Amino acid sequence: MAITMTPAASDHVSKYLKTRGHGFGIRLGVRTSGCSGMAYVLEFVDDIQDEDKVFESDGVNVVIDPKSLLYLDGTELDFVKEGLNEGFKFNNPNVKNECGCGESFNI
């Protein structure tokens, strides 16, 4: 089981962690939402729980709870810029369908 980040994603997160001034890393998870069933959740994490799994990618810690890991195993987190838009892109090999707006997915 593994979660990875591209250099662009790890650079982006590292900059925000430095600006924030503290933090262990970021938490990647899923929640029930949207028209397809599941949505990604990203947030800063200061403390980890005993059951959390921690993956290190280019010096950035990615924390995932066991339930979310079932849906995210093998995912690569990327940070992309397309024209005036920029944001995280989730390359998740487990996804079977995504909604038209790209906000949610199902397995």
C-alpha atoms as a PDB file:
ATOM      1  CA  MET A   1       0.000   0.000   0.000  1.00  0.00           C
ATOM      2  CA  ALA A   2       1.390   3.369  -0.958  1.00  0.00           C
ATOM      3  CA  ILE A   3       0.491   6.978  -1.572  1.00  0.00           C
ATOM      4  CA  THR A   4       2.886   9.170  -3.548  1.00  0.00           C
ATOM      5  CA  MET A   5       3.230  12.814  -4.519  1.00  0.00           C
ATOM      6  CA  THR A   6       4.746  14.334  -7.620  1.00  0.00           C
ATOM      7  CA  PRO A   7       7.581  16.832  -7.104  1.00  0.00           C
ATOM      8  CA  ALA A   8       5.147  19.654  -7.996  1.00  0.00           C
ATOM      9  CA  ALA A   9       2.712  18.541  -5.266  1.00  0.00           C
ATOM     10  CA  SER A  10       5.370  18.056  -2.597  1.00  0.00           C
ATOM     11  CA  ASP A  11       6.931  21.462  -3.415  1.00  0.00           C
ATOM     12  CA  HIS A  12       3.520  23.144  -3.136  1.00  0.00           C
ATOM     13  CA  VAL A  13       2.702  21.479   0.192  1.00  0.00           C
ATOM     14  CA  SER A  14       6.192  22.187   1.576  1.00  0.00           C
ATOM     15  CA  LYS A  15       5.811  25.896   0.813  1.00  0.00           C
ATOM     16  CA  TYR A  16       2.450  26.043   2.591  1.00  0.00           C
ATOM     17  CA  LEU A  17       3.777  24.152   5.621  1.00  0.00           C
ATOM     18  CA  LYS A  18       6.692  26.594   5.876  1.00  0.00           C
ATOM     19  CA  THR A  19       4.344  29.584   5.559  1.00  0.00           C
ATOM     20  CA  ARG A  20       2.051  28.048   8.181  1.00  0.00           C
ATOM     21  CA  GLY A  21       5.039  27.655  10.507  1.00  0.00           C
ATOM     22  CA  HIS A  22       4.107  24.258  11.946  1.00  0.00           C
ATOM     23  CA  GLY A  23       2.523  20.950  11.086  1.00  0.00           C
ATOM     24  CA  PHE A  24       3.384  17.291  10.655  1.00  0.00           C
ATOM     25  CA  GLY A  25       2.164  17.118   7.038  1.00  0.00           C
ATOM     26  CA  ILE A  26      -1.125  16.808   5.203  1.00  0.00           C
ATOM     27  CA  ARG A  27      -4.037  14.437   5.691  1.00  0.00           C
ATOM     28  CA  LEU A  28      -5.568  12.857   2.615  1.00  0.00           C
ATOM     29  CA  GLY A  29      -8.932  11.217   3.049  1.00  0.00           C
ATOM     30  CA  VAL A  30     -12.334  10.579   1.534  1.00  0.00           C
ATOM     31  CA  ARG A  31     -15.850  11.441   2.615  1.00  0.00           C
ATOM     32  CA  THR A  32     -19.282  10.598   1.319  1.00  0.00           C
ATOM     33  CA  SER A  33     -20.340  13.429  -0.961  1.00  0.00           C
ATOM     34  CA  GLY A  34     -21.299  14.516  -4.444  1.00  0.00           C
ATOM     35  CA  CYS A  35     -23.212  12.843  -7.189  1.00  0.00           C
ATOM     36  CA  SER A  36     -20.811   9.899  -7.553  1.00  0.00           C
ATOM     37  CA  GLY A  37     -20.484   8.995  -3.877  1.00  0.00           C
ATOM     38  CA  MET A  38     -16.997   9.902  -2.584  1.00  0.00           C
ATOM     39  CA  ALA A  39     -14.975  13.126  -2.476  1.00  0.00           C
ATOM     40  CA  TYR A  40     -11.352  13.786  -1.596  1.00  0.00           C
ATOM     41  CA  VAL A  41     -10.446  15.702   1.554  1.00  0.00           C
ATOM     42  CA  LEU A  42      -7.102  17.459   2.087  1.00  0.00           C
ATOM     43  CA  GLU A  43      -6.131  19.257   5.282  1.00  0.00           C
ATOM     44  CA  PHE A  44      -3.085  20.110   7.345  1.00  0.00           C
ATOM     45  CA  VAL A  45      -2.331  17.724  10.179  1.00  0.00           C
ATOM     46  CA  ASP A  46      -0.499  18.597  13.380  1.00  0.00           C
ATOM     47  CA  ASP A  47      -0.921  15.351  15.322  1.00  0.00           C
ATOM     48  CA  ILE A  48      -1.411  11.813  14.067  1.00  0.00           C
ATOM     49  CA  GLN A  49      -3.619   9.103  15.534  1.00  0.00           C
ATOM     50  CA  ASP A  50      -2.315   5.624  16.443  1.00  0.00           C
ATOM     51  CA  GLU A  51      -4.246   4.010  13.570  1.00  0.00           C
ATOM     52  CA  ASP A  52      -3.039   6.500  10.914  1.00  0.00           C
ATOM     53  CA  LYS A  53      -0.694   5.393   8.148  1.00  0.00           C
ATOM     54  CA  VAL A  54       2.096   7.825   7.243  1.00  0.00           C
ATOM     55  CA  PHE A  55       3.732   7.952   3.826  1.00  0.00           C
ATOM     56  CA  GLU A  56       6.705  10.197   3.130  1.00  0.00           C
ATOM     57  CA  SER A  57       7.122  11.688  -0.330  1.00  0.00           C
ATOM     58  CA  ASP A  58       9.951  14.121  -1.120  1.00  0.00           C
ATOM     59  CA  GLY A  59      10.159  15.152   2.528  1.00  0.00           C
ATOM     60  CA  VAL A  60       6.396  15.668   2.985  1.00  0.00           C
ATOM     61  CA  ASN A  61       4.353  13.427   5.294  1.00  0.00           C
ATOM     62  CA  VAL A  62       1.009  12.253   3.910  1.00  0.00           C
ATOM     63  CA  VAL A  63      -1.282  10.923   6.659  1.00  0.00           C
ATOM     64  CA  ILE A  64      -4.210   8.621   5.870  1.00  0.00           C
ATOM     65  CA  ASP A  65      -6.742   6.907   8.106  1.00  0.00           C
ATOM     66  CA  PRO A  66      -7.264   3.149   7.510  1.00  0.00           C
ATOM     67  CA  LYS A  67     -10.790   3.564   6.074  1.00  0.00           C
ATOM     68  CA  SER A  68      -9.651   6.084   3.469  1.00  0.00           C
ATOM     69  CA  LEU A  69      -6.621   3.983   2.574  1.00  0.00           C
ATOM     70  CA  LEU A  70      -8.931   1.304   1.173  1.00  0.00           C
ATOM     71  CA  TYR A  71     -10.116   3.834  -1.447  1.00  0.00           C
ATOM     72  CA  LEU A  72      -6.793   5.623  -1.983  1.00  0.00           C
ATOM     73  CA  ASP A  73      -4.201   2.840  -2.176  1.00  0.00           C
ATOM     74  CA  GLY A  74      -1.885   3.542  -5.115  1.00  0.00           C
ATOM     75  CA  THR A  75      -2.975   7.173  -5.499  1.00  0.00           C
ATOM     76  CA  GLU A  76      -0.540   9.781  -6.753  1.00  0.00           C
ATOM     77  CA  LEU A  77      -1.194  13.369  -5.661  1.00  0.00           C
ATOM     78  CA  ASP A  78      -0.190  15.969  -8.254  1.00  0.00           C
ATOM     79  CA  PHE A  79      -0.375  19.772  -8.352  1.00  0.00           C
ATOM     80  CA  VAL A  80      -1.210  21.163 -11.781  1.00  0.00           C
ATOM     81  CA  LYS A  81      -1.553  24.583 -13.361  1.00  0.00           C
ATOM     82  CA  GLU A  82      -3.839  24.889 -16.363  1.00  0.00           C
ATOM     83  CA  GLY A  83      -4.156  28.435 -17.632  1.00  0.00           C
ATOM     84  CA  LEU A  84      -5.305  30.598 -14.736  1.00  0.00           C
ATOM     85  CA  ASN A  85      -6.433  27.579 -12.693  1.00  0.00           C
ATOM     86  CA  GLU A  86      -4.289  25.550 -10.355  1.00  0.00           C
ATOM     87  CA  GLY A  87      -4.993  22.798  -7.891  1.00  0.00           C
ATOM     88  CA  PHE A  88      -4.431  19.256  -6.763  1.00  0.00           C
ATOM     89  CA  LYS A  89      -5.125  16.357  -9.084  1.00  0.00           C
ATOM     90  CA  PHE A  90      -5.687  12.861  -7.727  1.00  0.00           C
ATOM     91  CA  ASN A  91      -4.411  10.040  -9.943  1.00  0.00           C
ATOM     92  CA  ASN A  92      -6.303   7.212  -8.259  1.00  0.00           C
ATOM     93  CA  PRO A  93      -6.123   3.796  -9.985  1.00  0.00           C
ATOM     94  CA  ASN A  94      -9.145   2.570  -7.980  1.00  0.00           C
ATOM     95  CA  VAL A  95     -11.645   5.028  -9.493  1.00  0.00           C
ATOM     96  CA  LYS A  96     -14.247   3.463 -11.766  1.00  0.00           C
ATOM     97  CA  ASN A  97     -16.394   6.553 -12.464  1.00  0.00           C
ATOM     98  CA  GLU A  98     -16.224  10.291 -11.819  1.00  0.00           C
ATOM     99  CA  CYS A  99     -18.975  12.861 -11.915  1.00  0.00           C
ATOM    100  CA  GLY A 100     -18.989  15.425 -14.713  1.00  0.00           C
ATOM    101  CA  CYS A 101     -17.784  18.254 -12.498  1.00  0.00           C
ATOM    102  CA  GLY A 102     -14.852  16.209 -11.177  1.00  0.00           C
ATOM    103  CA  GLU A 103     -15.788  16.717  -7.529  1.00  0.00           C
ATOM    104  CA  SER A 104     -16.649  13.132  -6.681  1.00  0.00           C
ATOM    105  CA  PHE A 105     -15.913   9.554  -7.701  1.00  0.00           C
ATOM    106  CA  ASN A 106     -16.854   5.946  -6.996  1.00  0.00           C
ATOM    107  CA  ILE A 107     -14.917   2.726  -6.696  1.00  0.00           C
END
